[in-house]
C-alpha atoms as a PDB file:
ATOM      1  CA  UNK A   1     -12.631 126.629 123.444  1.00  0.00           C
ATOM      2  CA  UNK A   2     -14.814 124.339 121.264  1.00  0.00           C
ATOM      3  CA  UNK A   3     -15.802 124.771 117.742  1.00  0.00           C
ATOM      4  CA  UNK A   4     -18.377 122.841 115.931  1.00  0.00           C
ATOM      5  CA  UNK A   5     -18.079 121.870 112.294  1.00  0.00           C
ATOM      6  CA  UNK A   6     -21.078 120.802 110.067  1.00  0.00           C
ATOM      7  CA  UNK A   7     -20.002 118.533 107.190  1.00  0.00           C
ATOM      8  CA  UNK A   8     -22.593 116.242 105.495  1.00  0.00           C
ATOM      9  CA  UNK A   9     -25.476 117.014 107.958  1.00  0.00           C
ATOM     10  CA  UNK A  10     -23.163 115.397 110.844  1.00  0.00           C
ATOM     11  CA  UNK A  11     -21.837 117.399 113.580  1.00  0.00           C
ATOM     12  CA  UNK A  12     -18.258 116.668 114.541  1.00  0.00           C
ATOM     13  CA  UNK A  13     -17.011 118.286 117.864  1.00  0.00           C
ATOM     14  CA  UNK A  14     -13.337 119.694 117.511  1.00  0.00           C
ATOM     15  CA  UNK A  15     -11.383 120.501 120.621  1.00  0.00           C
ATOM     16  CA  UNK A  16      -8.688 123.428 120.343  1.00  0.00           C
ATOM     17  CA  UNK A  17      -5.859 122.418 122.304  1.00  0.00           C
ATOM     18  CA  UNK A  18      -3.839 125.441 121.433  1.00  0.00           C
ATOM     19  CA  UNK A  19      -1.317 123.189 119.803  1.00  0.00           C
ATOM     20  CA  UNK A  20      -0.407 123.252 116.055  1.00  0.00           C
ATOM     21  CA  UNK A  21      -2.280 120.373 114.064  1.00  0.00           C
ATOM     22  CA  UNK A  22      -0.080 117.237 113.509  1.00  0.00           C
ATOM     23  CA  UNK A  23       0.528 116.902 109.882  1.00  0.00           C
ATOM     24  CA  UNK A  24       0.137 113.266 108.462  1.00  0.00           C
ATOM     25  CA  UNK A  25       2.249 114.045 105.384  1.00  0.00           C
ATOM     26  CA  UNK A  26       5.309 115.044 107.486  1.00  0.00           C
ATOM     27  CA  UNK A  27       5.074 111.702 109.320  1.00  0.00           C
ATOM     28  CA  UNK A  28       4.367 113.321 112.506  1.00  0.00           C
ATOM     29  CA  UNK A  29       4.002 110.661 115.346  1.00  0.00           C
ATOM     30  CA  UNK A  30       5.220 112.373 118.584  1.00  0.00           C
ATOM     31  CA  UNK A  31       6.499 110.238 121.273  1.00  0.00           C
ATOM     32  CA  UNK A  32       5.031 110.247 124.694  1.00  0.00           C
ATOM     33  CA  UNK A  33       6.720 107.468 126.784  1.00  0.00           C
ATOM     34  CA  UNK A  34       9.174 109.275 129.186  1.00  0.00           C
ATOM     35  CA  UNK A  35      11.058 105.850 129.615  1.00  0.00           C
ATOM     36  CA  UNK A  36      11.795 105.776 125.872  1.00  0.00           C
ATOM     37  CA  UNK A  37      13.459 109.165 126.142  1.00  0.00           C
ATOM     38  CA  UNK A  38      15.485 108.114 129.214  1.00  0.00           C
ATOM     39  CA  UNK A  39      16.760 105.056 127.357  1.00  0.00           C
ATOM     40  CA  UNK A  40      17.753 107.372 124.280  1.00  0.00           C
ATOM     41  CA  UNK A  41      19.505 109.643 126.534  1.00  0.00           C
ATOM     42  CA  UNK A  42      21.075 107.042 128.766  1.00  0.00           C
ATOM     43  CA  UNK A  43      22.494 105.062 125.734  1.00  0.00           C
ATOM     44  CA  UNK A  44      25.030 107.998 124.971  1.00  0.00           C
ATOM     45  CA  UNK A  45      27.539 109.965 126.875  1.00  0.00           C
ATOM     46  CA  UNK A  46      26.839 113.564 126.652  1.00  0.00           C
ATOM     47  CA  UNK A  47      29.506 116.210 128.477  1.00  0.00           C
ATOM     48  CA  UNK A  48      29.397 119.988 128.804  1.00  0.00           C
ATOM     49  CA  UNK A  49      31.382 120.004 125.536  1.00  0.00           C
ATOM     50  CA  UNK A  50      28.911 117.971 123.551  1.00  0.00           C
ATOM     51  CA  UNK A  51      26.789 119.164 120.959  1.00  0.00           C
ATOM     52  CA  UNK A  52      23.626 117.163 120.405  1.00  0.00           C
ATOM     53  CA  UNK A  53      21.667 117.092 117.248  1.00  0.00           C
ATOM     54  CA  UNK A  54      17.886 116.554 117.039  1.00  0.00           C
ATOM     55  CA  UNK A  55      15.828 116.007 113.870  1.00  0.00           C
ATOM     56  CA  UNK A  56      12.400 117.310 114.380  1.00  0.00           C
ATOM     57  CA  UNK A  57      11.473 119.019 117.605  1.00  0.00           C
ATOM     58  CA  UNK A  58       7.624 118.272 117.142  1.00  0.00           C
ATOM     59  CA  UNK A  59       6.221 119.675 120.416  1.00  0.00           C
ATOM     60  CA  UNK A  60       9.364 119.611 122.241  1.00  0.00           C
ATOM     61  CA  UNK A  61       9.181 116.390 124.249  1.00  0.00           C
ATOM     62  CA  UNK A  62      12.499 114.868 123.536  1.00  0.00           C
ATOM     63  CA  UNK A  63      13.970 118.348 123.078  1.00  0.00           C
ATOM     64  CA  UNK A  64      13.131 119.434 126.554  1.00  0.00           C
ATOM     65  CA  UNK A  65      14.130 116.190 128.090  1.00  0.00           C
ATOM     66  CA  UNK A  66      17.684 116.460 126.495  1.00  0.00           C
ATOM     67  CA  UNK A  67      18.151 119.981 127.800  1.00  0.00           C
ATOM     68  CA  UNK A  68      16.697 119.074 131.341  1.00  0.00           C
ATOM     69  CA  UNK A  69      18.796 115.729 131.697  1.00  0.00           C
ATOM     70  CA  UNK A  70      22.095 116.508 129.913  1.00  0.00           C
ATOM     71  CA  UNK A  71      24.733 119.183 130.442  1.00  0.00           C
ATOM     72  CA  UNK A  72      25.377 119.470 126.708  1.00  0.00           C
ATOM     73  CA  UNK A  73      26.816 122.660 125.464  1.00  0.00           C
ATOM     74  CA  UNK A  74      24.270 123.204 122.753  1.00  0.00           C
ATOM     75  CA  UNK A  75      21.387 121.420 121.399  1.00  0.00           C
ATOM     76  CA  UNK A  76      20.892 121.888 117.489  1.00  0.00           C
ATOM     77  CA  UNK A  77      17.358 120.860 116.365  1.00  0.00           C
ATOM     78  CA  UNK A  78      16.433 120.911 112.640  1.00  0.00           C
ATOM     79  CA  UNK A  79      12.630 121.492 112.514  1.00  0.00           C
ATOM     80  CA  UNK A  80      10.564 121.858 108.816  1.00  0.00           C
ATOM     81  CA  UNK A  81       7.349 122.827 110.325  1.00  0.00           C
ATOM     82  CA  UNK A  82       7.385 126.460 111.245  1.00  0.00           C
ATOM     83  CA  UNK A  83       4.271 126.267 113.483  1.00  0.00           C
ATOM     84  CA  UNK A  84       5.966 123.586 115.806  1.00  0.00           C
ATOM     85  CA  UNK A  85       9.312 125.571 115.523  1.00  0.00           C
ATOM     86  CA  UNK A  86       7.500 128.658 116.927  1.00  0.00           C
ATOM     87  CA  UNK A  87       5.580 126.633 119.524  1.00  0.00           C
ATOM     88  CA  UNK A  88       8.640 125.299 121.105  1.00  0.00           C
ATOM     89  CA  UNK A  89      10.613 128.488 120.726  1.00  0.00           C
ATOM     90  CA  UNK A  90       7.891 129.938 122.657  1.00  0.00           C
ATOM     91  CA  UNK A  91       7.711 127.281 125.364  1.00  0.00           C
ATOM     92  CA  UNK A  92      11.366 126.144 125.851  1.00  0.00           C
ATOM     93  CA  UNK A  93      13.563 128.902 127.208  1.00  0.00           C
ATOM     94  CA  UNK A  94      17.111 127.807 127.261  1.00  0.00           C
ATOM     95  CA  UNK A  95      20.012 129.502 125.581  1.00  0.00           C
ATOM     96  CA  UNK A  96      21.570 126.127 124.678  1.00  0.00           C
ATOM     97  CA  UNK A  97      18.736 125.500 121.875  1.00  0.00           C
ATOM     98  CA  UNK A  98      19.534 126.459 118.567  1.00  0.00           C
ATOM     99  CA  UNK A  99      16.429 125.433 116.696  1.00  0.00           C
ATOM    100  CA  UNK A 100      16.827 125.806 112.734  1.00  0.00           C
ATOM    101  CA  UNK A 101      13.560 126.086 110.676  1.00  0.00           C
ATOM    102  CA  UNK A 102      15.225 124.120 107.837  1.00  0.00           C
ATOM    103  CA  UNK A 103      14.458 120.691 106.035  1.00  0.00           C
ATOM    104  CA  UNK A 104      17.165 118.295 107.243  1.00  0.00           C
ATOM    105  CA  UNK A 105      17.780 116.864 103.693  1.00  0.00           C
ATOM    106  CA  UNK A 106      18.712 120.413 102.607  1.00  0.00           C
ATOM    107  CA  UNK A 107      21.008 120.828 105.478  1.00  0.00           C
ATOM    108  CA  UNK A 108      24.598 119.988 106.203  1.00  0.00           C
ATOM    109  CA  UNK A 109      25.973 119.187 109.387  1.00  0.00           C
ATOM    110  CA  UNK A 110      29.106 121.022 108.528  1.00  0.00           C
ATOM    111  CA  UNK A 111      27.173 123.930 109.906  1.00  0.00           C
ATOM    112  CA  UNK A 112      27.014 122.676 113.347  1.00  0.00           C
ATOM    113  CA  UNK A 113      30.055 124.118 115.104  1.00  0.00           C
ATOM    114  CA  UNK A 114      31.734 121.671 117.693  1.00  0.00           C
ATOM    115  CA  UNK A 115      34.686 121.115 119.017  1.00  0.00           C
ATOM    116  CA  UNK A 116      33.842 117.392 120.414  1.00  0.00           C
ATOM    117  CA  UNK A 117      32.161 114.646 118.099  1.00  0.00           C
ATOM    118  CA  UNK A 118      28.530 115.317 117.650  1.00  0.00           C
ATOM    119  CA  UNK A 119      25.740 113.074 119.210  1.00  0.00           C
ATOM    120  CA  UNK A 120      22.476 112.574 117.639  1.00  0.00           C
ATOM    121  CA  UNK A 121      19.060 111.732 119.386  1.00  0.00           C
ATOM    122  CA  UNK A 122      16.339 111.729 117.156  1.00  0.00           C
ATOM    123  CA  UNK A 123      12.720 110.347 116.546  1.00  0.00           C
ATOM    124  CA  UNK A 124      13.153 110.180 112.725  1.00  0.00           C
ATOM    125  CA  UNK A 125      10.381 110.955 110.125  1.00  0.00           C
ATOM    126  CA  UNK A 126       9.775 107.277 108.906  1.00  0.00           C
ATOM    127  CA  UNK A 127       9.106 108.228 105.149  1.00  0.00           C
ATOM    128  CA  UNK A 128      12.734 109.819 104.810  1.00  0.00           C
ATOM    129  CA  UNK A 129      14.862 107.527 107.457  1.00  0.00           C
ATOM    130  CA  UNK A 130      17.109 106.402 104.669  1.00  0.00           C
ATOM    131  CA  UNK A 131      17.860 109.823 103.107  1.00  0.00           C
ATOM    132  CA  UNK A 132      18.574 111.159 106.571  1.00  0.00           C
ATOM    133  CA  UNK A 133      20.934 108.217 107.249  1.00  0.00           C
ATOM    134  CA  UNK A 134      22.754 108.503 103.844  1.00  0.00           C
ATOM    135  CA  UNK A 135      23.229 112.228 105.012  1.00  0.00           C
ATOM    136  CA  UNK A 136      24.502 111.329 108.276  1.00  0.00           C
ATOM    137  CA  UNK A 137      26.995 108.597 106.769  1.00  0.00           C
ATOM    138  CA  UNK A 138      28.592 111.408 104.446  1.00  0.00           C
ATOM    139  CA  UNK A 139      29.290 113.365 107.810  1.00  0.00           C
ATOM    140  CA  UNK A 140      30.264 110.288 110.009  1.00  0.00           C
ATOM    141  CA  UNK A 141      33.385 111.292 111.008  1.00  0.00           C
ATOM    142  CA  UNK A 142      31.802 114.298 112.700  1.00  0.00           C
ATOM    143  CA  UNK A 143      29.506 112.092 115.215  1.00  0.00           C
ATOM    144  CA  UNK A 144      30.140 109.926 118.113  1.00  0.00           C
ATOM    145  CA  UNK A 145      27.127 107.902 118.842  1.00  0.00           C
ATOM    146  CA  UNK A 146      23.862 107.988 117.165  1.00  0.00           C
ATOM    147  CA  UNK A 147      20.637 106.928 118.803  1.00  0.00           C
ATOM    148  CA  UNK A 148      17.518 107.007 116.597  1.00  0.00           C
ATOM    149  CA  UNK A 149      13.773 105.807 116.426  1.00  0.00           C
ATOM    150  CA  UNK A 150      12.781 104.091 113.342  1.00  0.00           C
ATOM    151  CA  UNK A 151      10.290 101.498 112.070  1.00  0.00           C
ATOM    152  CA  UNK A 152      10.926  98.177 113.347  1.00  0.00           C
ATOM    153  CA  UNK A 153      11.097  96.772 109.914  1.00  0.00           C
ATOM    154  CA  UNK A 154      14.073  99.286 109.128  1.00  0.00           C
ATOM    155  CA  UNK A 155      15.724  98.472 112.572  1.00  0.00           C
ATOM    156  CA  UNK A 156      15.831  94.646 111.414  1.00  0.00           C
ATOM    157  CA  UNK A 157      17.150  95.594 107.943  1.00  0.00           C
ATOM    158  CA  UNK A 158      19.847  97.596 109.560  1.00  0.00           C
ATOM    159  CA  UNK A 159      21.142  94.859 111.954  1.00  0.00           C
ATOM    160  CA  UNK A 160      20.502  91.793 109.817  1.00  0.00           C
ATOM    161  CA  UNK A 161      23.448  89.234 108.997  1.00  0.00           C
ATOM    162  CA  UNK A 162      21.736  87.152 106.477  1.00  0.00           C
ATOM    163  CA  UNK A 163      18.217  86.176 105.442  1.00  0.00           C
ATOM    164  CA  UNK A 164      15.306  88.332 103.837  1.00  0.00           C
ATOM    165  CA  UNK A 165      16.167  91.274 105.796  1.00  0.00           C
ATOM    166  CA  UNK A 166      19.690  91.390 104.609  1.00  0.00           C
ATOM    167  CA  UNK A 167      20.359  93.769 101.608  1.00  0.00           C
ATOM    168  CA  UNK A 168      22.591  96.071 100.006  1.00  0.00           C
ATOM    169  CA  UNK A 169      21.368  98.718 102.054  1.00  0.00           C
ATOM    170  CA  UNK A 170      22.378  96.731 105.109  1.00  0.00           C
ATOM    171  CA  UNK A 171      25.878  95.963 103.934  1.00  0.00           C
ATOM    172  CA  UNK A 172      26.575  99.696 103.258  1.00  0.00           C
ATOM    173  CA  UNK A 173      25.318 100.919 106.527  1.00  0.00           C
ATOM    174  CA  UNK A 174      27.206  98.027 108.397  1.00  0.00           C
ATOM    175  CA  UNK A 175      30.278  98.977 106.750  1.00  0.00           C
ATOM    176  CA  UNK A 176      30.078 102.627 108.062  1.00  0.00           C
ATOM    177  CA  UNK A 177      28.618 101.885 111.527  1.00  0.00           C
ATOM    178  CA  UNK A 178      28.515  99.555 114.250  1.00  0.00           C
ATOM    179  CA  UNK A 179      24.682  98.720 114.633  1.00  0.00           C
ATOM    180  CA  UNK A 180      22.932  97.638 117.709  1.00  0.00           C
ATOM    181  CA  UNK A 181      19.108  97.193 118.239  1.00  0.00           C
ATOM    182  CA  UNK A 182      17.794  98.741 121.542  1.00  0.00           C
ATOM    183  CA  UNK A 183      14.336  99.123 122.807  1.00  0.00           C
ATOM    184  CA  UNK A 184      11.396  97.817 120.710  1.00  0.00           C
ATOM    185  CA  UNK A 185       8.482 100.612 121.183  1.00  0.00           C
ATOM    186  CA  UNK A 186       4.775  99.679 120.812  1.00  0.00           C
ATOM    187  CA  UNK A 187       2.597 101.942 118.638  1.00  0.00           C
ATOM    188  CA  UNK A 188       0.919 103.254 121.972  1.00  0.00           C
ATOM    189  CA  UNK A 189       4.027 105.057 122.994  1.00  0.00           C
ATOM    190  CA  UNK A 190       3.158 107.625 120.342  1.00  0.00           C
ATOM    191  CA  UNK A 191       0.355 110.145 119.572  1.00  0.00           C
ATOM    192  CA  UNK A 192      -1.234 109.658 116.985  1.00  0.00           C
ATOM    193  CA  UNK A 193       0.000 105.957 117.062  1.00  0.00           C
ATOM    194  CA  UNK A 194       1.442 104.624 114.105  1.00  0.00           C
ATOM    195  CA  UNK A 195       0.544 101.438 112.425  1.00  0.00           C
ATOM    196  CA  UNK A 196       3.569  99.656 113.072  1.00  0.00           C
ATOM    197  CA  UNK A 197       5.968  99.026 115.884  1.00  0.00           C
ATOM    198  CA  UNK A 198       9.221 100.922 116.157  1.00  0.00           C
ATOM    199  CA  UNK A 199      12.992 100.475 117.474  1.00  0.00           C
ATOM    200  CA  UNK A 200      15.540 102.374 118.970  1.00  0.00           C
ATOM    201  CA  UNK A 201      18.746 101.890 117.280  1.00  0.00           C
ATOM    202  CA  UNK A 202      22.455 102.801 118.004  1.00  0.00           C
ATOM    203  CA  UNK A 203      24.821 103.632 115.420  1.00  0.00           C
ATOM    204  CA  UNK A 204      28.516 104.120 116.179  1.00  0.00           C
ATOM    205  CA  UNK A 205      30.703 105.457 113.204  1.00  0.00           C
ATOM    206  CA  UNK A 206      33.426 102.981 112.153  1.00  0.00           C
ATOM    207  CA  UNK A 207      36.290 102.497 109.695  1.00  0.00           C
ATOM    208  CA  UNK A 208      35.324  99.299 107.958  1.00  0.00           C
ATOM    209  CA  UNK A 209      37.861  97.454 105.733  1.00  0.00           C
ATOM    210  CA  UNK A 210      39.362  98.961 103.075  1.00  0.00           C
ATOM    211  CA  UNK A 211      37.573  98.034  99.621  1.00  0.00           C
ATOM    212  CA  UNK A 212      39.481  98.460  96.337  1.00  0.00           C
ATOM    213  CA  UNK A 213      37.297 100.458  93.626  1.00  0.00           C
ATOM    214  CA  UNK A 214      34.719 101.033  96.214  1.00  0.00           C
ATOM    215  CA  UNK A 215      32.114 102.831  94.304  1.00  0.00           C
ATOM    216  CA  UNK A 216      32.073 100.242  91.565  1.00  0.00           C
ATOM    217  CA  UNK A 217      31.915  97.408  94.417  1.00  0.00           C
ATOM    218  CA  UNK A 218      28.765  99.044  95.763  1.00  0.00           C
ATOM    219  CA  UNK A 219      27.248  99.109  92.288  1.00  0.00           C
ATOM    220  CA  UNK A 220      27.945  95.570  91.790  1.00  0.00           C
ATOM    221  CA  UNK A 221      26.332  94.723  95.417  1.00  0.00           C
ATOM    222  CA  UNK A 222      23.217  96.250  94.201  1.00  0.00           C
ATOM    223  CA  UNK A 223      23.275  94.133  91.309  1.00  0.00           C
ATOM    224  CA  UNK A 224      23.807  90.849  93.411  1.00  0.00           C
ATOM    225  CA  UNK A 225      20.702  91.912  95.277  1.00  0.00           C
ATOM    226  CA  UNK A 226      18.480  93.272  92.414  1.00  0.00           C
ATOM    227  CA  UNK A 227      16.444  89.989  92.255  1.00  0.00           C
ATOM    228  CA  UNK A 228      16.943  88.216  95.752  1.00  0.00           C
ATOM    229  CA  UNK A 229      15.406  84.909  94.609  1.00  0.00           C
ATOM    230  CA  UNK A 230      18.095  84.589  91.775  1.00  0.00           C
ATOM    231  CA  UNK A 231      21.547  83.388  91.957  1.00  0.00           C
ATOM    232  CA  UNK A 232      24.689  85.325  91.849  1.00  0.00           C
ATOM    233  CA  UNK A 233      25.168  83.892  88.219  1.00  0.00           C
ATOM    234  CA  UNK A 234      21.644  85.269  87.085  1.00  0.00           C
ATOM    235  CA  UNK A 235      22.156  88.499  88.828  1.00  0.00           C
ATOM    236  CA  UNK A 236      25.813  89.307  87.283  1.00  0.00           C
ATOM    237  CA  UNK A 237      25.477  87.573  83.900  1.00  0.00           C
ATOM    238  CA  UNK A 238      24.945  90.759  82.143  1.00  0.00           C
ATOM    239  CA  UNK A 239      28.077  92.339  83.668  1.00  0.00           C
ATOM    240  CA  UNK A 240      31.525  92.373  82.142  1.00  0.00           C
ATOM    241  CA  UNK A 241      33.111  90.229  85.005  1.00  0.00           C
ATOM    242  CA  UNK A 242      34.667  86.933  84.352  1.00  0.00           C
ATOM    243  CA  UNK A 243      32.196  84.828  86.492  1.00  0.00           C
ATOM    244  CA  UNK A 244      34.587  81.597  85.729  1.00  0.00           C
ATOM    245  CA  UNK A 245      36.683  83.113  88.360  1.00  0.00           C
ATOM    246  CA  UNK A 246      34.025  82.078  90.868  1.00  0.00           C
ATOM    247  CA  UNK A 247      33.370  78.650  92.245  1.00  0.00           C
ATOM    248  CA  UNK A 248      30.084  76.981  91.040  1.00  0.00           C
ATOM    249  CA  UNK A 249      29.075  76.816  94.590  1.00  0.00           C
ATOM    250  CA  UNK A 250      29.338  80.515  95.041  1.00  0.00           C
ATOM    251  CA  UNK A 251      27.649  81.344  91.782  1.00  0.00           C
ATOM    252  CA  UNK A 252      24.798  79.031  92.712  1.00  0.00           C
ATOM    253  CA  UNK A 253      23.830  80.927  95.792  1.00  0.00           C
ATOM    254  CA  UNK A 254      21.547  83.782  96.402  1.00  0.00           C
ATOM    255  CA  UNK A 255      23.092  87.227  97.840  1.00  0.00           C
ATOM    256  CA  UNK A 256      20.991  86.947 101.147  1.00  0.00           C
ATOM    257  CA  UNK A 257      22.916  83.580 101.698  1.00  0.00           C
ATOM    258  CA  UNK A 258      26.165  85.494 101.825  1.00  0.00           C
ATOM    259  CA  UNK A 259      28.159  87.528 104.574  1.00  0.00           C
ATOM    260  CA  UNK A 260      29.876  90.867 103.968  1.00  0.00           C
ATOM    261  CA  UNK A 261      32.986  88.912 104.086  1.00  0.00           C
ATOM    262  CA  UNK A 262      31.807  86.503 101.560  1.00  0.00           C
ATOM    263  CA  UNK A 263      31.143  89.366  99.274  1.00  0.00           C
ATOM    264  CA  UNK A 264      34.780  90.795 100.076  1.00  0.00           C
ATOM    265  CA  UNK A 265      36.302  87.467  98.889  1.00  0.00           C
ATOM    266  CA  UNK A 266      34.104  87.656  95.768  1.00  0.00           C
ATOM    267  CA  UNK A 267      34.943  91.228  94.902  1.00  0.00           C
ATOM    268  CA  UNK A 268      38.746  90.548  95.375  1.00  0.00           C
ATOM    269  CA  UNK A 269      38.579  87.529  93.058  1.00  0.00           C
ATOM    270  CA  UNK A 270      36.674  89.424  90.404  1.00  0.00           C
ATOM    271  CA  UNK A 271      39.097  92.247  90.578  1.00  0.00           C
ATOM    272  CA  UNK A 272      42.252  90.152  90.104  1.00  0.00           C
END
């Protein structure tokens, strides 16, 4: 069926596909490349005891592939858009699908029952990638592997070991996860195409080294990166720390020139 809309004296043809409209404000860019989905699924181990978590089903492209290509016990999908949730419920008939109409940022992974570690496979809404990652980190002990689609810039930030992409956020997530960059995805793999390249990233929960007074450590790390072009001396000069305990060489460096291990040594020195 075709509708015709008259606007500003110009005729624009709109094709009714029978599908809900994609909503720009929700960051809806739907994956359309089957090989990318195959690579996501092949990157994890799914058994008949595994519960898979997906964030945002969209029109069910990834949802259907997970159900068809794995023997998972259950697929729990959080979807904020009622129109797409109703569409998927009406088109995918599999008793393993547990589709929850809920904003993931208001959800808790504790509500997902599973005897085995959870596996996450998701094409994340790009504008809330980091809030979702912080939510996952809080429940990391419940997860096995996590394979997500993020913006290329975000993927590089998560995996960086030094340089401009290295940040306090990088350090935080590398402390909690082993991070591996997988396939780089061109915009044309999505509809509508985003304006940026994307990246598959695999995160495996880990127990990082013990950090004394950890909450204060992360607050201090944020200060170290507050002005990336400034030296540690300048970024920390307003704190209560005795900076004289650190060498001149260390104080003259910028945060992005240091490694995670370097910061642990600095922290232990300041805490002594």
